N, C-alpha and C. Protein backbone atom coordinates (compact mmCIF):
# COMPACT_ATOMS: atom_id res chain seq x y z
N UNK A 1 -13.23 -10.32 39.05
CA UNK A 1 -12.69 -11.34 38.15
C UNK A 1 -12.31 -10.71 36.81
N UNK A 2 -11.19 -11.17 36.27
CA UNK A 2 -10.75 -10.68 34.97
C UNK A 2 -11.64 -11.26 33.87
N UNK A 3 -11.97 -10.42 32.91
CA UNK A 3 -12.77 -10.88 31.78
C UNK A 3 -11.86 -11.40 30.69
N UNK A 4 -12.14 -12.60 30.22
CA UNK A 4 -11.38 -13.18 29.12
C UNK A 4 -12.08 -12.80 27.81
N UNK A 5 -11.42 -11.95 27.02
CA UNK A 5 -12.05 -11.47 25.79
C UNK A 5 -12.04 -12.53 24.70
N UNK A 6 -10.94 -13.28 24.61
CA UNK A 6 -10.82 -14.35 23.62
C UNK A 6 -10.24 -15.58 24.31
N UNK A 7 -10.72 -16.76 23.94
CA UNK A 7 -10.25 -17.98 24.58
C UNK A 7 -10.15 -19.11 23.56
N UNK A 8 -9.00 -19.76 23.55
CA UNK A 8 -8.78 -20.94 22.70
C UNK A 8 -9.09 -20.66 21.24
N UNK A 9 -8.63 -19.52 20.74
CA UNK A 9 -8.89 -19.17 19.34
C UNK A 9 -7.80 -19.78 18.47
N UNK A 10 -8.21 -20.65 17.57
CA UNK A 10 -7.31 -21.24 16.58
C UNK A 10 -7.84 -20.83 15.21
N UNK A 11 -7.04 -20.10 14.48
CA UNK A 11 -7.52 -19.52 13.23
C UNK A 11 -6.41 -19.50 12.19
N UNK A 12 -6.68 -20.07 11.03
CA UNK A 12 -5.74 -20.02 9.91
C UNK A 12 -6.46 -19.41 8.72
N UNK A 13 -5.88 -18.35 8.17
CA UNK A 13 -6.50 -17.67 7.03
C UNK A 13 -5.57 -17.81 5.82
N UNK A 14 -6.06 -18.50 4.80
CA UNK A 14 -5.29 -18.63 3.57
C UNK A 14 -5.39 -17.33 2.79
N UNK A 15 -4.38 -17.02 2.02
CA UNK A 15 -4.43 -15.78 1.26
C UNK A 15 -4.16 -16.03 -0.20
N UNK A 16 -4.60 -15.15 -1.09
CA UNK A 16 -5.50 -14.02 -0.82
C UNK A 16 -6.97 -14.46 -0.80
N UNK A 17 -7.76 -13.81 0.03
CA UNK A 17 -9.19 -14.11 0.11
C UNK A 17 -9.85 -12.99 0.89
N UNK A 18 -11.17 -13.05 0.97
CA UNK A 18 -11.90 -12.16 1.88
C UNK A 18 -12.44 -13.03 2.99
N UNK A 19 -11.94 -12.79 4.20
CA UNK A 19 -12.29 -13.61 5.36
C UNK A 19 -13.12 -12.78 6.32
N UNK A 20 -14.28 -13.29 6.68
CA UNK A 20 -15.18 -12.56 7.57
C UNK A 20 -15.15 -13.12 8.99
N UNK A 21 -15.05 -12.22 9.97
CA UNK A 21 -15.20 -12.60 11.37
C UNK A 21 -16.58 -12.10 11.80
N UNK A 22 -17.48 -13.04 12.05
CA UNK A 22 -18.89 -12.71 12.25
C UNK A 22 -19.27 -13.00 13.69
N UNK A 23 -20.15 -12.17 14.23
CA UNK A 23 -20.64 -12.41 15.58
C UNK A 23 -21.36 -11.19 16.12
N UNK A 24 -22.09 -11.36 17.20
CA UNK A 24 -22.83 -10.24 17.80
C UNK A 24 -21.89 -9.27 18.52
N UNK A 25 -22.41 -8.13 18.92
CA UNK A 25 -21.63 -7.17 19.70
C UNK A 25 -21.11 -7.85 20.97
N UNK A 26 -19.86 -7.57 21.31
CA UNK A 26 -19.29 -8.16 22.53
C UNK A 26 -18.73 -9.55 22.35
N UNK A 27 -18.73 -10.06 21.12
CA UNK A 27 -18.24 -11.42 20.89
C UNK A 27 -16.72 -11.51 20.93
N UNK A 28 -16.03 -10.36 20.71
CA UNK A 28 -14.57 -10.36 20.70
C UNK A 28 -13.98 -10.06 19.34
N UNK A 29 -14.82 -9.63 18.40
CA UNK A 29 -14.35 -9.39 17.03
C UNK A 29 -13.28 -8.29 16.98
N UNK A 30 -13.58 -7.15 17.59
CA UNK A 30 -12.64 -6.03 17.56
C UNK A 30 -11.35 -6.39 18.29
N UNK A 31 -11.45 -7.09 19.41
CA UNK A 31 -10.26 -7.53 20.14
C UNK A 31 -9.37 -8.39 19.25
N UNK A 32 -9.97 -9.34 18.54
CA UNK A 32 -9.21 -10.22 17.65
C UNK A 32 -8.49 -9.42 16.57
N UNK A 33 -9.18 -8.48 15.95
CA UNK A 33 -8.56 -7.71 14.88
C UNK A 33 -7.47 -6.80 15.42
N UNK A 34 -7.67 -6.23 16.60
CA UNK A 34 -6.64 -5.35 17.18
C UNK A 34 -5.39 -6.14 17.55
N UNK A 35 -5.55 -7.39 17.90
CA UNK A 35 -4.39 -8.24 18.16
C UNK A 35 -3.64 -8.49 16.85
N UNK A 36 -4.37 -8.78 15.77
CA UNK A 36 -3.74 -9.03 14.48
C UNK A 36 -2.96 -7.81 13.98
N UNK A 37 -3.47 -6.63 14.32
CA UNK A 37 -2.82 -5.38 13.89
C UNK A 37 -1.62 -5.04 14.77
N UNK A 38 -1.57 -5.66 15.95
CA UNK A 38 -0.46 -5.38 16.86
C UNK A 38 -0.77 -4.29 17.88
N UNK A 39 -2.06 -4.00 18.09
CA UNK A 39 -2.44 -2.93 19.01
C UNK A 39 -2.69 -3.42 20.43
N UNK A 40 -2.84 -4.73 20.61
CA UNK A 40 -3.13 -5.28 21.93
C UNK A 40 -2.15 -6.40 22.27
N UNK A 41 -1.77 -6.48 23.54
CA UNK A 41 -0.97 -7.61 24.00
C UNK A 41 -1.87 -8.85 24.09
N UNK A 42 -1.26 -10.02 24.04
CA UNK A 42 -2.03 -11.25 24.05
C UNK A 42 -1.17 -12.38 24.60
N UNK A 43 -1.82 -13.47 24.95
CA UNK A 43 -1.10 -14.69 25.31
C UNK A 43 -1.58 -15.79 24.37
N UNK A 44 -0.65 -16.43 23.70
CA UNK A 44 -1.00 -17.50 22.77
C UNK A 44 0.24 -18.34 22.51
N UNK A 45 0.04 -19.60 22.15
CA UNK A 45 1.17 -20.46 21.83
C UNK A 45 1.94 -19.90 20.63
N UNK A 46 1.20 -19.46 19.63
CA UNK A 46 1.84 -18.83 18.47
C UNK A 46 0.83 -17.95 17.76
N UNK A 47 1.32 -16.87 17.18
CA UNK A 47 0.46 -15.97 16.41
C UNK A 47 1.34 -15.33 15.33
N UNK A 48 1.03 -15.60 14.09
CA UNK A 48 1.83 -15.08 12.99
C UNK A 48 0.94 -14.41 11.95
N UNK A 49 1.47 -13.38 11.35
CA UNK A 49 0.83 -12.70 10.23
C UNK A 49 1.86 -12.61 9.12
N UNK A 50 1.53 -13.16 7.94
CA UNK A 50 2.45 -13.18 6.80
C UNK A 50 3.78 -13.86 7.14
N UNK A 51 3.70 -14.81 8.05
CA UNK A 51 4.89 -15.55 8.43
C UNK A 51 5.72 -14.90 9.52
N UNK A 52 5.34 -13.69 9.95
CA UNK A 52 6.07 -12.98 11.00
C UNK A 52 5.38 -13.19 12.35
N UNK A 53 6.15 -13.43 13.39
CA UNK A 53 5.59 -13.59 14.72
C UNK A 53 5.07 -12.25 15.22
N UNK A 54 3.83 -12.25 15.69
CA UNK A 54 3.20 -11.00 16.13
C UNK A 54 3.91 -10.38 17.33
N UNK A 55 4.43 -11.21 18.23
CA UNK A 55 5.01 -10.67 19.46
C UNK A 55 6.42 -10.11 19.26
N UNK A 56 7.11 -10.50 18.18
CA UNK A 56 8.50 -10.04 18.02
C UNK A 56 8.77 -9.29 16.71
N UNK A 57 7.84 -9.33 15.78
CA UNK A 57 8.08 -8.68 14.48
C UNK A 57 6.91 -7.77 14.09
N UNK A 58 6.37 -7.07 15.09
CA UNK A 58 5.20 -6.22 14.84
C UNK A 58 5.47 -5.15 13.78
N UNK A 59 6.69 -4.60 13.77
CA UNK A 59 7.01 -3.54 12.82
C UNK A 59 6.97 -4.06 11.37
N UNK A 60 7.55 -5.23 11.15
CA UNK A 60 7.55 -5.82 9.81
C UNK A 60 6.13 -6.09 9.33
N UNK A 61 5.26 -6.49 10.27
CA UNK A 61 3.87 -6.76 9.92
C UNK A 61 3.15 -5.45 9.56
N UNK A 62 3.35 -4.42 10.37
CA UNK A 62 2.65 -3.14 10.14
C UNK A 62 3.01 -2.53 8.79
N UNK A 63 4.23 -2.75 8.32
CA UNK A 63 4.63 -2.23 7.01
C UNK A 63 3.87 -2.89 5.87
N UNK A 64 3.35 -4.08 6.13
CA UNK A 64 2.69 -4.87 5.09
C UNK A 64 1.19 -4.97 5.30
N UNK A 65 0.69 -4.16 6.21
CA UNK A 65 -0.70 -4.30 6.64
C UNK A 65 -1.43 -2.97 6.56
N UNK A 66 -2.68 -3.00 6.15
CA UNK A 66 -3.55 -1.83 6.17
C UNK A 66 -4.67 -2.06 7.18
N UNK A 67 -5.09 -1.00 7.88
CA UNK A 67 -6.08 -1.15 8.96
C UNK A 67 -7.09 -0.02 8.91
N UNK A 68 -8.37 -0.40 8.93
CA UNK A 68 -9.46 0.58 9.02
C UNK A 68 -10.26 0.26 10.28
N UNK A 69 -10.13 1.10 11.33
CA UNK A 69 -10.87 0.84 12.57
C UNK A 69 -12.35 1.17 12.43
N UNK A 70 -13.10 0.82 13.47
CA UNK A 70 -14.55 1.07 13.45
C UNK A 70 -14.87 2.54 13.33
N UNK A 71 -14.19 3.36 14.13
CA UNK A 71 -14.49 4.79 14.15
C UNK A 71 -13.62 5.51 13.13
N UNK A 72 -14.16 6.58 12.55
CA UNK A 72 -13.43 7.36 11.55
C UNK A 72 -12.18 7.96 12.20
N UNK A 73 -11.02 7.62 11.66
CA UNK A 73 -9.77 7.99 12.33
C UNK A 73 -8.87 8.89 11.48
N UNK A 74 -9.42 9.45 10.39
CA UNK A 74 -8.62 10.36 9.57
C UNK A 74 -8.72 11.78 10.13
N UNK A 75 -8.05 12.72 9.45
CA UNK A 75 -8.02 14.10 9.95
C UNK A 75 -9.17 14.90 9.35
N UNK A 76 -10.18 15.25 10.16
CA UNK A 76 -11.39 15.90 9.64
C UNK A 76 -11.12 17.27 9.03
N UNK A 77 -10.08 17.96 9.50
CA UNK A 77 -9.79 19.31 9.01
C UNK A 77 -8.86 19.33 7.80
N UNK A 78 -8.47 18.15 7.33
CA UNK A 78 -7.69 18.05 6.10
C UNK A 78 -8.60 17.63 4.96
N UNK A 79 -8.25 18.02 3.75
CA UNK A 79 -9.02 17.63 2.58
C UNK A 79 -8.81 16.15 2.29
N UNK A 80 -9.63 15.62 1.41
CA UNK A 80 -9.48 14.23 0.96
C UNK A 80 -8.05 14.00 0.47
N UNK A 81 -7.58 14.90 -0.38
CA UNK A 81 -6.25 14.74 -0.98
C UNK A 81 -5.14 14.85 0.07
N UNK A 82 -5.29 15.79 0.99
CA UNK A 82 -4.25 15.97 2.00
C UNK A 82 -4.19 14.81 2.99
N UNK A 83 -5.34 14.16 3.24
CA UNK A 83 -5.32 12.94 4.05
C UNK A 83 -4.50 11.86 3.36
N UNK A 84 -4.69 11.72 2.05
CA UNK A 84 -3.91 10.74 1.30
C UNK A 84 -2.42 11.10 1.32
N UNK A 85 -2.12 12.38 1.16
CA UNK A 85 -0.73 12.84 1.20
C UNK A 85 -0.08 12.52 2.55
N UNK A 86 -0.83 12.73 3.61
CA UNK A 86 -0.31 12.45 4.95
C UNK A 86 0.08 10.98 5.08
N UNK A 87 -0.80 10.08 4.64
CA UNK A 87 -0.51 8.65 4.76
C UNK A 87 0.64 8.24 3.85
N UNK A 88 0.77 8.90 2.72
CA UNK A 88 1.91 8.64 1.84
C UNK A 88 3.21 9.00 2.54
N UNK A 89 3.21 10.13 3.23
CA UNK A 89 4.41 10.55 3.98
C UNK A 89 4.74 9.58 5.11
N UNK A 90 3.70 9.13 5.82
CA UNK A 90 3.90 8.18 6.92
C UNK A 90 4.58 6.91 6.42
N UNK A 91 4.17 6.45 5.25
CA UNK A 91 4.71 5.20 4.71
C UNK A 91 5.92 5.41 3.80
N UNK A 92 6.36 6.67 3.66
CA UNK A 92 7.54 6.94 2.85
C UNK A 92 7.37 6.61 1.38
N UNK A 93 6.17 6.84 0.86
CA UNK A 93 5.90 6.54 -0.55
C UNK A 93 6.49 7.66 -1.42
N UNK A 94 7.31 7.34 -2.41
CA UNK A 94 7.86 8.38 -3.29
C UNK A 94 6.75 9.15 -4.01
N UNK A 95 7.02 10.44 -4.29
CA UNK A 95 6.00 11.31 -4.88
C UNK A 95 5.41 10.76 -6.17
N UNK A 96 6.27 10.25 -7.04
CA UNK A 96 5.80 9.75 -8.34
C UNK A 96 4.81 8.59 -8.16
N UNK A 97 5.16 7.70 -7.26
CA UNK A 97 4.29 6.55 -7.00
C UNK A 97 3.00 7.01 -6.33
N UNK A 98 3.12 7.98 -5.40
CA UNK A 98 1.92 8.50 -4.73
C UNK A 98 0.93 9.10 -5.74
N UNK A 99 1.43 9.90 -6.67
CA UNK A 99 0.55 10.54 -7.65
C UNK A 99 -0.21 9.50 -8.47
N UNK A 100 0.49 8.46 -8.88
CA UNK A 100 -0.14 7.41 -9.67
C UNK A 100 -1.12 6.60 -8.84
N UNK A 101 -0.68 6.18 -7.66
CA UNK A 101 -1.49 5.32 -6.80
C UNK A 101 -2.73 6.05 -6.28
N UNK A 102 -2.58 7.31 -5.87
CA UNK A 102 -3.72 8.06 -5.35
C UNK A 102 -4.76 8.31 -6.43
N UNK A 103 -4.30 8.60 -7.65
CA UNK A 103 -5.24 8.81 -8.77
C UNK A 103 -6.05 7.54 -9.04
N UNK A 104 -5.38 6.39 -9.00
CA UNK A 104 -6.07 5.11 -9.24
C UNK A 104 -7.11 4.85 -8.15
N UNK A 105 -6.71 5.04 -6.90
CA UNK A 105 -7.60 4.74 -5.78
C UNK A 105 -8.77 5.71 -5.70
N UNK A 106 -8.51 6.99 -5.95
CA UNK A 106 -9.59 7.98 -5.94
C UNK A 106 -10.63 7.65 -7.02
N UNK A 107 -10.18 7.18 -8.16
CA UNK A 107 -11.10 6.82 -9.24
C UNK A 107 -11.91 5.58 -8.86
N UNK A 108 -11.24 4.58 -8.30
CA UNK A 108 -11.93 3.35 -7.89
C UNK A 108 -13.00 3.65 -6.85
N UNK A 109 -12.67 4.55 -5.91
CA UNK A 109 -13.59 4.90 -4.83
C UNK A 109 -14.61 5.97 -5.23
N UNK A 110 -14.50 6.46 -6.46
CA UNK A 110 -15.38 7.53 -6.96
C UNK A 110 -15.30 8.78 -6.07
N UNK A 111 -14.07 9.06 -5.63
CA UNK A 111 -13.83 10.26 -4.83
C UNK A 111 -12.98 11.28 -5.58
N UNK A 112 -12.71 11.02 -6.85
CA UNK A 112 -11.81 11.88 -7.62
C UNK A 112 -12.37 13.28 -7.84
N UNK A 113 -13.67 13.47 -7.69
CA UNK A 113 -14.27 14.81 -7.83
C UNK A 113 -14.41 15.51 -6.47
N UNK A 114 -13.91 14.87 -5.42
CA UNK A 114 -14.08 15.42 -4.06
C UNK A 114 -12.74 15.65 -3.37
N UNK A 115 -11.66 15.74 -4.13
CA UNK A 115 -10.32 15.80 -3.52
C UNK A 115 -10.12 17.05 -2.65
N UNK A 116 -10.81 18.15 -2.96
CA UNK A 116 -10.62 19.38 -2.18
C UNK A 116 -11.59 19.48 -1.00
N UNK A 117 -12.51 18.54 -0.88
CA UNK A 117 -13.48 18.56 0.22
C UNK A 117 -12.78 18.19 1.52
N UNK A 118 -13.16 18.87 2.61
CA UNK A 118 -12.68 18.47 3.92
C UNK A 118 -13.26 17.10 4.28
N UNK A 119 -12.47 16.28 4.94
CA UNK A 119 -12.95 14.95 5.33
C UNK A 119 -14.19 15.05 6.20
N UNK A 120 -14.26 16.10 7.03
CA UNK A 120 -15.41 16.27 7.93
C UNK A 120 -16.71 16.52 7.18
N UNK A 121 -16.63 16.97 5.94
CA UNK A 121 -17.84 17.31 5.18
C UNK A 121 -18.41 16.12 4.41
N UNK A 122 -17.70 15.00 4.42
CA UNK A 122 -18.14 13.84 3.64
C UNK A 122 -19.26 13.08 4.35
N UNK A 123 -20.05 12.36 3.56
CA UNK A 123 -21.08 11.48 4.13
C UNK A 123 -20.39 10.29 4.81
N UNK A 124 -21.14 9.52 5.59
CA UNK A 124 -20.58 8.37 6.28
C UNK A 124 -19.95 7.36 5.33
N UNK A 125 -20.65 7.09 4.23
CA UNK A 125 -20.13 6.13 3.25
C UNK A 125 -18.86 6.62 2.58
N UNK A 126 -18.81 7.92 2.27
CA UNK A 126 -17.62 8.49 1.63
C UNK A 126 -16.44 8.50 2.60
N UNK A 127 -16.69 8.76 3.87
CA UNK A 127 -15.63 8.71 4.87
C UNK A 127 -15.02 7.31 4.94
N UNK A 128 -15.89 6.30 4.89
CA UNK A 128 -15.40 4.92 4.94
C UNK A 128 -14.56 4.59 3.71
N UNK A 129 -15.00 5.08 2.55
CA UNK A 129 -14.22 4.82 1.33
C UNK A 129 -12.88 5.53 1.39
N UNK A 130 -12.86 6.74 1.95
CA UNK A 130 -11.59 7.46 2.10
C UNK A 130 -10.66 6.72 3.06
N UNK A 131 -11.21 6.23 4.17
CA UNK A 131 -10.41 5.44 5.11
C UNK A 131 -9.82 4.22 4.42
N UNK A 132 -10.64 3.59 3.59
CA UNK A 132 -10.21 2.38 2.90
C UNK A 132 -9.06 2.67 1.94
N UNK A 133 -9.18 3.72 1.12
CA UNK A 133 -8.12 3.96 0.14
C UNK A 133 -6.85 4.50 0.81
N UNK A 134 -6.99 5.19 1.95
CA UNK A 134 -5.80 5.58 2.70
C UNK A 134 -5.05 4.34 3.20
N UNK A 135 -5.81 3.33 3.62
CA UNK A 135 -5.20 2.08 4.11
C UNK A 135 -4.58 1.26 2.98
N UNK A 136 -5.04 1.49 1.74
CA UNK A 136 -4.54 0.74 0.59
C UNK A 136 -3.39 1.43 -0.12
N UNK A 137 -3.09 2.65 0.27
CA UNK A 137 -2.14 3.49 -0.47
C UNK A 137 -0.76 2.85 -0.59
N UNK A 138 -0.30 2.20 0.48
CA UNK A 138 1.05 1.62 0.46
C UNK A 138 1.05 0.16 -0.01
N UNK A 139 -0.06 -0.26 -0.64
CA UNK A 139 -0.20 -1.60 -1.22
C UNK A 139 0.08 -2.72 -0.20
N UNK A 140 -0.74 -2.76 0.85
CA UNK A 140 -0.54 -3.79 1.88
C UNK A 140 -0.88 -5.18 1.35
N UNK A 141 -0.30 -6.18 1.98
CA UNK A 141 -0.61 -7.56 1.62
C UNK A 141 -1.83 -8.07 2.40
N UNK A 142 -2.06 -7.48 3.57
CA UNK A 142 -3.21 -7.82 4.39
C UNK A 142 -3.96 -6.54 4.74
N UNK A 143 -5.28 -6.58 4.61
CA UNK A 143 -6.12 -5.42 4.92
C UNK A 143 -7.09 -5.84 6.02
N UNK A 144 -7.05 -5.15 7.16
CA UNK A 144 -7.91 -5.46 8.31
C UNK A 144 -8.99 -4.39 8.41
N UNK A 145 -10.24 -4.81 8.36
CA UNK A 145 -11.37 -3.88 8.40
C UNK A 145 -12.28 -4.25 9.57
N UNK A 146 -12.44 -3.32 10.51
CA UNK A 146 -13.28 -3.57 11.68
C UNK A 146 -14.67 -2.99 11.45
N UNK A 147 -15.61 -3.86 11.10
CA UNK A 147 -16.99 -3.48 10.80
C UNK A 147 -17.04 -2.25 9.89
N UNK A 148 -16.47 -2.33 8.70
CA UNK A 148 -16.36 -1.15 7.84
C UNK A 148 -17.69 -0.58 7.37
N UNK A 149 -18.73 -1.41 7.35
CA UNK A 149 -20.01 -0.93 6.83
C UNK A 149 -21.05 -0.72 7.92
N UNK A 150 -20.61 -0.67 9.17
CA UNK A 150 -21.54 -0.47 10.28
C UNK A 150 -22.12 0.95 10.22
N UNK A 151 -23.43 1.04 10.08
CA UNK A 151 -24.09 2.34 10.09
C UNK A 151 -24.13 3.08 8.77
N UNK A 152 -23.59 2.48 7.69
CA UNK A 152 -23.68 3.14 6.39
C UNK A 152 -24.81 2.51 5.59
N UNK A 153 -25.34 3.26 4.62
CA UNK A 153 -26.53 2.79 3.90
C UNK A 153 -26.17 1.68 2.90
N UNK A 154 -27.19 1.06 2.35
CA UNK A 154 -27.00 -0.08 1.46
C UNK A 154 -26.19 0.27 0.22
N UNK A 155 -26.41 1.46 -0.33
CA UNK A 155 -25.67 1.87 -1.53
C UNK A 155 -24.18 1.99 -1.21
N UNK A 156 -23.87 2.63 -0.08
CA UNK A 156 -22.47 2.79 0.33
C UNK A 156 -21.83 1.44 0.61
N UNK A 157 -22.59 0.52 1.21
CA UNK A 157 -22.07 -0.82 1.46
C UNK A 157 -21.74 -1.53 0.15
N UNK A 158 -22.62 -1.36 -0.83
CA UNK A 158 -22.36 -1.96 -2.14
C UNK A 158 -21.12 -1.40 -2.79
N UNK A 159 -20.89 -0.09 -2.62
CA UNK A 159 -19.71 0.56 -3.20
C UNK A 159 -18.43 0.06 -2.52
N UNK A 160 -18.49 -0.14 -1.20
CA UNK A 160 -17.33 -0.67 -0.48
C UNK A 160 -16.99 -2.07 -0.99
N UNK A 161 -18.00 -2.90 -1.17
CA UNK A 161 -17.77 -4.26 -1.66
C UNK A 161 -17.21 -4.25 -3.08
N UNK A 162 -17.65 -3.31 -3.89
CA UNK A 162 -17.13 -3.20 -5.25
C UNK A 162 -15.63 -2.93 -5.24
N UNK A 163 -15.18 -2.12 -4.28
CA UNK A 163 -13.74 -1.85 -4.14
C UNK A 163 -13.01 -3.10 -3.67
N UNK A 164 -13.54 -3.75 -2.64
CA UNK A 164 -12.87 -4.92 -2.07
C UNK A 164 -12.72 -6.04 -3.09
N UNK A 165 -13.75 -6.20 -3.94
CA UNK A 165 -13.71 -7.30 -4.90
C UNK A 165 -12.77 -7.01 -6.08
N UNK A 166 -12.28 -5.79 -6.18
CA UNK A 166 -11.29 -5.46 -7.21
C UNK A 166 -9.86 -5.74 -6.73
N UNK A 167 -9.71 -5.96 -5.43
CA UNK A 167 -8.37 -6.15 -4.88
C UNK A 167 -7.87 -7.55 -5.22
N UNK A 168 -6.67 -7.61 -5.76
CA UNK A 168 -6.04 -8.88 -6.07
C UNK A 168 -4.76 -9.00 -5.25
N UNK A 169 -4.42 -10.21 -4.86
CA UNK A 169 -3.21 -10.47 -4.06
C UNK A 169 -3.25 -9.77 -2.71
N UNK A 170 -4.46 -9.48 -2.22
CA UNK A 170 -4.61 -8.88 -0.90
C UNK A 170 -5.52 -9.78 -0.07
N UNK A 171 -5.09 -10.10 1.14
CA UNK A 171 -5.94 -10.84 2.07
C UNK A 171 -6.74 -9.83 2.88
N UNK A 172 -8.06 -9.90 2.77
CA UNK A 172 -8.93 -8.98 3.51
C UNK A 172 -9.53 -9.75 4.69
N UNK A 173 -9.33 -9.22 5.89
CA UNK A 173 -9.95 -9.78 7.09
C UNK A 173 -10.87 -8.72 7.65
N UNK A 174 -12.17 -9.02 7.65
CA UNK A 174 -13.13 -8.01 8.09
C UNK A 174 -14.09 -8.59 9.11
N UNK A 175 -14.44 -7.77 10.09
CA UNK A 175 -15.47 -8.17 11.04
C UNK A 175 -16.79 -7.55 10.60
N UNK A 176 -17.86 -8.25 10.87
CA UNK A 176 -19.18 -7.74 10.50
C UNK A 176 -20.25 -8.38 11.36
N UNK A 177 -21.31 -7.63 11.58
CA UNK A 177 -22.48 -8.16 12.25
C UNK A 177 -23.60 -8.45 11.27
N UNK A 178 -23.34 -8.19 9.97
CA UNK A 178 -24.35 -8.38 8.94
C UNK A 178 -24.18 -9.74 8.27
N UNK A 179 -25.21 -10.57 8.31
CA UNK A 179 -25.11 -11.90 7.71
C UNK A 179 -25.04 -11.83 6.19
N UNK A 180 -25.68 -10.81 5.58
CA UNK A 180 -25.61 -10.70 4.13
C UNK A 180 -24.18 -10.38 3.68
N UNK A 181 -23.42 -9.69 4.53
CA UNK A 181 -22.02 -9.44 4.21
C UNK A 181 -21.19 -10.70 4.39
N UNK A 182 -21.50 -11.47 5.41
CA UNK A 182 -20.78 -12.73 5.65
C UNK A 182 -20.92 -13.65 4.43
N UNK A 183 -22.08 -13.62 3.79
CA UNK A 183 -22.31 -14.48 2.62
C UNK A 183 -21.42 -14.11 1.45
N UNK A 184 -20.95 -12.87 1.40
CA UNK A 184 -20.08 -12.44 0.30
C UNK A 184 -18.62 -12.83 0.51
N UNK A 185 -18.27 -13.26 1.73
CA UNK A 185 -16.89 -13.61 2.04
C UNK A 185 -16.55 -14.99 1.46
N UNK A 186 -15.26 -15.21 1.22
CA UNK A 186 -14.81 -16.53 0.77
C UNK A 186 -14.86 -17.54 1.91
N UNK A 187 -14.57 -17.08 3.12
CA UNK A 187 -14.61 -17.94 4.30
C UNK A 187 -14.97 -17.07 5.50
N UNK A 188 -15.58 -17.68 6.51
CA UNK A 188 -15.98 -16.94 7.70
C UNK A 188 -15.70 -17.75 8.96
N UNK A 189 -15.54 -17.03 10.06
CA UNK A 189 -15.47 -17.65 11.38
C UNK A 189 -16.55 -16.99 12.23
N UNK A 190 -17.35 -17.80 12.92
CA UNK A 190 -18.39 -17.26 13.79
C UNK A 190 -17.86 -17.21 15.21
N UNK A 191 -17.78 -16.00 15.75
CA UNK A 191 -17.22 -15.76 17.08
C UNK A 191 -18.36 -15.45 18.04
N UNK A 192 -18.36 -16.13 19.18
CA UNK A 192 -19.41 -15.90 20.19
C UNK A 192 -18.80 -16.07 21.58
N UNK A 193 -18.92 -15.04 22.40
CA UNK A 193 -18.39 -15.04 23.76
C UNK A 193 -16.91 -15.46 23.78
N UNK A 194 -16.15 -14.87 22.84
CA UNK A 194 -14.71 -15.05 22.86
C UNK A 194 -14.19 -16.34 22.26
N UNK A 195 -15.06 -17.17 21.74
CA UNK A 195 -14.64 -18.43 21.13
C UNK A 195 -15.14 -18.54 19.70
N UNK A 196 -14.34 -19.15 18.86
CA UNK A 196 -14.78 -19.43 17.49
C UNK A 196 -15.61 -20.71 17.54
N UNK A 197 -16.89 -20.58 17.21
CA UNK A 197 -17.82 -21.71 17.31
C UNK A 197 -17.81 -22.57 16.05
N UNK A 198 -17.60 -21.93 14.92
CA UNK A 198 -17.54 -22.67 13.65
C UNK A 198 -16.84 -21.81 12.62
N UNK A 199 -16.23 -22.44 11.63
CA UNK A 199 -15.62 -21.69 10.54
C UNK A 199 -15.61 -22.52 9.27
N UNK A 200 -15.59 -21.83 8.15
CA UNK A 200 -15.62 -22.49 6.85
C UNK A 200 -16.18 -21.55 5.81
N UNK A 201 -16.58 -22.09 4.67
CA UNK A 201 -17.20 -21.25 3.65
C UNK A 201 -18.61 -20.90 4.10
N UNK A 202 -19.16 -19.77 3.62
CA UNK A 202 -20.54 -19.43 3.99
C UNK A 202 -21.53 -20.55 3.68
N UNK A 203 -21.32 -21.23 2.55
CA UNK A 203 -22.22 -22.32 2.16
C UNK A 203 -22.15 -23.47 3.17
N UNK A 204 -20.93 -23.80 3.58
CA UNK A 204 -20.76 -24.88 4.56
C UNK A 204 -21.44 -24.57 5.88
N UNK A 205 -21.29 -23.32 6.31
CA UNK A 205 -21.84 -22.92 7.61
C UNK A 205 -23.35 -22.75 7.54
């Protein structure tokens, strides 16, 4: 029998905000986020991101979207700075804008003293912060984070939240298994066995 990863999901996310997708392992959180990013095929009556249909305008969405997957996906043998340079090239960011934007993001992430370090030499929390600022380099309107703080210590989690809360005019959609993180979100959806069981503000839920 085919496994249905998500079923009857109806979800509207107002922007800008921090929206949490909460649920246990296997609930369908990663599947949902990968669909939003355009990495998985799906069947649905309609699915739009920033007003663009996911099934026909994936390219337009990707240009306006930043994505940090669960696993570290940067280049371990490149330095912090060269990873940023690579993503700037991918997005066609002009050199002048890259220099300004990378300096701002490195300072916000407190990685400005580690630019020559290889990505592989960073701690788990620092790797996550580097992934985050690489995803923010092209100034996306939507930022998708798949369990960004899974396995990192409390201090690193606090630093990640400090960065997220500085973002303005960006819609952040993040999955998490931590209820204390869900409480920091503006709105949350609780996903269980492929269905959204409830959604609203943390206080309401």
